């Protein structure tokens, strides 16, 4: 579990941190968590900015699918919200 937390800010193209890992060097669980983390953080209020909303979060995931976010994780996330009607709890 610690490795998931350590890697969830890594990006498929190597632009993430802390180690600049790429592609399959990032464990699957961290690639999935990365997508969930972006959706949660963008759709939630933060002390330094207001909530951006779920629509912008999903657009970000869609834009980065296969480039910075795992394509399968991104597709599953988009399907949950757009096709299956998932809504996050407030």
C-alpha atoms as a PDB file:
ATOM      1  CA  UNK A   1       0.000   0.000   0.000  1.00  0.00           C
ATOM      2  CA  UNK A   2       2.878   2.390   0.680  1.00  0.00           C
ATOM      3  CA  UNK A   3       4.105   1.947  -2.893  1.00  0.00           C
ATOM      4  CA  UNK A   4       0.657   2.920  -4.231  1.00  0.00           C
ATOM      5  CA  UNK A   5       0.778   6.125  -2.208  1.00  0.00           C
ATOM      6  CA  UNK A   6       4.363   6.781  -3.302  1.00  0.00           C
ATOM      7  CA  UNK A   7       3.574   6.332  -7.009  1.00  0.00           C
ATOM      8  CA  UNK A   8       0.101   7.835  -7.430  1.00  0.00           C
ATOM      9  CA  UNK A   9       1.491  11.183  -8.664  1.00  0.00           C
ATOM     10  CA  UNK A  10       3.595   9.499 -11.347  1.00  0.00           C
ATOM     11  CA  UNK A  11       2.328   9.923 -14.942  1.00  0.00           C
ATOM     12  CA  UNK A  12       2.551   7.527 -17.884  1.00  0.00           C
ATOM     13  CA  UNK A  13       4.660   9.978 -19.897  1.00  0.00           C
ATOM     14  CA  UNK A  14       7.189  10.390 -17.071  1.00  0.00           C
ATOM     15  CA  UNK A  15       6.059  13.908 -16.148  1.00  0.00           C
ATOM     16  CA  UNK A  16       4.945  12.945 -12.637  1.00  0.00           C
ATOM     17  CA  UNK A  17       6.764  12.781  -9.341  1.00  0.00           C
ATOM     18  CA  UNK A  18       8.591  11.841  -7.148  1.00  0.00           C
ATOM     19  CA  UNK A  19      10.643   9.543  -9.403  1.00  0.00           C
ATOM     20  CA  UNK A  20       9.482  10.361 -12.937  1.00  0.00           C
ATOM     21  CA  UNK A  21       8.397   6.772 -13.580  1.00  0.00           C
ATOM     22  CA  UNK A  22       6.860   5.927 -16.965  1.00  0.00           C
ATOM     23  CA  UNK A  23       4.265   3.497 -18.283  1.00  0.00           C
ATOM     24  CA  UNK A  24       4.295   0.028 -16.790  1.00  0.00           C
ATOM     25  CA  UNK A  25       7.030   1.021 -14.336  1.00  0.00           C
ATOM     26  CA  UNK A  26       4.118   2.543 -12.392  1.00  0.00           C
ATOM     27  CA  UNK A  27       2.236  -0.213 -10.579  1.00  0.00           C
ATOM     28  CA  UNK A  28      -1.351  -0.767 -11.704  1.00  0.00           C
ATOM     29  CA  UNK A  29      -2.835   0.164  -8.327  1.00  0.00           C
ATOM     30  CA  UNK A  30      -1.069   3.530  -8.450  1.00  0.00           C
ATOM     31  CA  UNK A  31      -2.278   4.166 -12.020  1.00  0.00           C
ATOM     32  CA  UNK A  32      -5.857   3.519 -10.880  1.00  0.00           C
ATOM     33  CA  UNK A  33      -5.414   5.649  -7.759  1.00  0.00           C
ATOM     34  CA  UNK A  34      -3.991   8.489  -9.876  1.00  0.00           C
ATOM     35  CA  UNK A  35      -7.244   8.722 -11.848  1.00  0.00           C
ATOM     36  CA  UNK A  36      -9.370   8.573  -8.702  1.00  0.00           C
ATOM     37  CA  UNK A  37      -7.185  11.187  -7.003  1.00  0.00           C
ATOM     38  CA  UNK A  38      -7.547  13.659  -9.875  1.00  0.00           C
ATOM     39  CA  UNK A  39     -11.330  13.249  -9.934  1.00  0.00           C
ATOM     40  CA  UNK A  40     -11.605  13.597  -6.172  1.00  0.00           C
ATOM     41  CA  UNK A  41      -9.302  16.594  -5.903  1.00  0.00           C
ATOM     42  CA  UNK A  42     -10.799  18.526  -8.817  1.00  0.00           C
ATOM     43  CA  UNK A  43     -14.370  17.881  -7.730  1.00  0.00           C
ATOM     44  CA  UNK A  44     -13.730  18.887  -4.109  1.00  0.00           C
ATOM     45  CA  UNK A  45     -13.190  22.223  -2.424  1.00  0.00           C
ATOM     46  CA  UNK A  46      -9.615  22.922  -1.394  1.00  0.00           C
ATOM     47  CA  UNK A  47      -8.413  25.629   1.016  1.00  0.00           C
ATOM     48  CA  UNK A  48      -6.462  27.247  -1.826  1.00  0.00           C
ATOM     49  CA  UNK A  49      -9.246  27.127  -4.472  1.00  0.00           C
ATOM     50  CA  UNK A  50     -12.955  26.464  -4.890  1.00  0.00           C
ATOM     51  CA  UNK A  51     -14.307  23.189  -6.213  1.00  0.00           C
ATOM     52  CA  UNK A  52     -13.737  22.891  -9.969  1.00  0.00           C
ATOM     53  CA  UNK A  53     -16.512  20.341 -10.458  1.00  0.00           C
ATOM     54  CA  UNK A  54     -16.951  16.842 -11.754  1.00  0.00           C
ATOM     55  CA  UNK A  55     -17.375  17.925 -15.382  1.00  0.00           C
ATOM     56  CA  UNK A  56     -13.925  19.543 -15.493  1.00  0.00           C
ATOM     57  CA  UNK A  57     -12.448  16.571 -13.662  1.00  0.00           C
ATOM     58  CA  UNK A  58     -13.858  14.127 -16.209  1.00  0.00           C
ATOM     59  CA  UNK A  59     -12.659  16.323 -19.078  1.00  0.00           C
ATOM     60  CA  UNK A  60      -9.162  16.221 -17.577  1.00  0.00           C
ATOM     61  CA  UNK A  61      -9.269  12.431 -17.332  1.00  0.00           C
ATOM     62  CA  UNK A  62     -10.560  12.137 -20.893  1.00  0.00           C
ATOM     63  CA  UNK A  63      -7.903  14.530 -22.244  1.00  0.00           C
ATOM     64  CA  UNK A  64      -5.082  12.667 -20.483  1.00  0.00           C
ATOM     65  CA  UNK A  65      -6.260   9.101 -21.101  1.00  0.00           C
ATOM     66  CA  UNK A  66      -3.437   7.002 -22.495  1.00  0.00           C
ATOM     67  CA  UNK A  67      -0.998   9.924 -22.266  1.00  0.00           C
ATOM     68  CA  UNK A  68      -0.648  10.756 -18.595  1.00  0.00           C
ATOM     69  CA  UNK A  69      -3.363   8.517 -17.127  1.00  0.00           C
ATOM     70  CA  UNK A  70      -3.769   4.794 -17.656  1.00  0.00           C
ATOM     71  CA  UNK A  71      -6.180   4.328 -20.578  1.00  0.00           C
ATOM     72  CA  UNK A  72      -8.115   1.461 -18.961  1.00  0.00           C
ATOM     73  CA  UNK A  73      -8.432   3.224 -15.605  1.00  0.00           C
ATOM     74  CA  UNK A  74      -9.551   6.411 -17.344  1.00  0.00           C
ATOM     75  CA  UNK A  75     -12.110   4.547 -19.461  1.00  0.00           C
ATOM     76  CA  UNK A  76     -13.510   2.776 -16.388  1.00  0.00           C
ATOM     77  CA  UNK A  77     -13.805   6.064 -14.527  1.00  0.00           C
ATOM     78  CA  UNK A  78     -15.549   7.820 -17.415  1.00  0.00           C
ATOM     79  CA  UNK A  79     -17.898   4.862 -17.878  1.00  0.00           C
ATOM     80  CA  UNK A  80     -18.844   4.887 -14.184  1.00  0.00           C
ATOM     81  CA  UNK A  81     -19.806   8.549 -14.232  1.00  0.00           C
ATOM     82  CA  UNK A  82     -21.171   8.958 -17.755  1.00  0.00           C
ATOM     83  CA  UNK A  83     -22.832   5.620 -18.473  1.00  0.00           C
ATOM     84  CA  UNK A  84     -23.519   4.045 -15.090  1.00  0.00           C
ATOM     85  CA  UNK A  85     -24.747   7.226 -13.397  1.00  0.00           C
ATOM     86  CA  UNK A  86     -22.263   7.197 -10.518  1.00  0.00           C
ATOM     87  CA  UNK A  87     -22.361  10.334  -8.399  1.00  0.00           C
ATOM     88  CA  UNK A  88     -19.920  11.115  -5.633  1.00  0.00           C
ATOM     89  CA  UNK A  89     -21.154  11.616  -2.095  1.00  0.00           C
ATOM     90  CA  UNK A  90     -20.969  15.197  -0.873  1.00  0.00           C
END
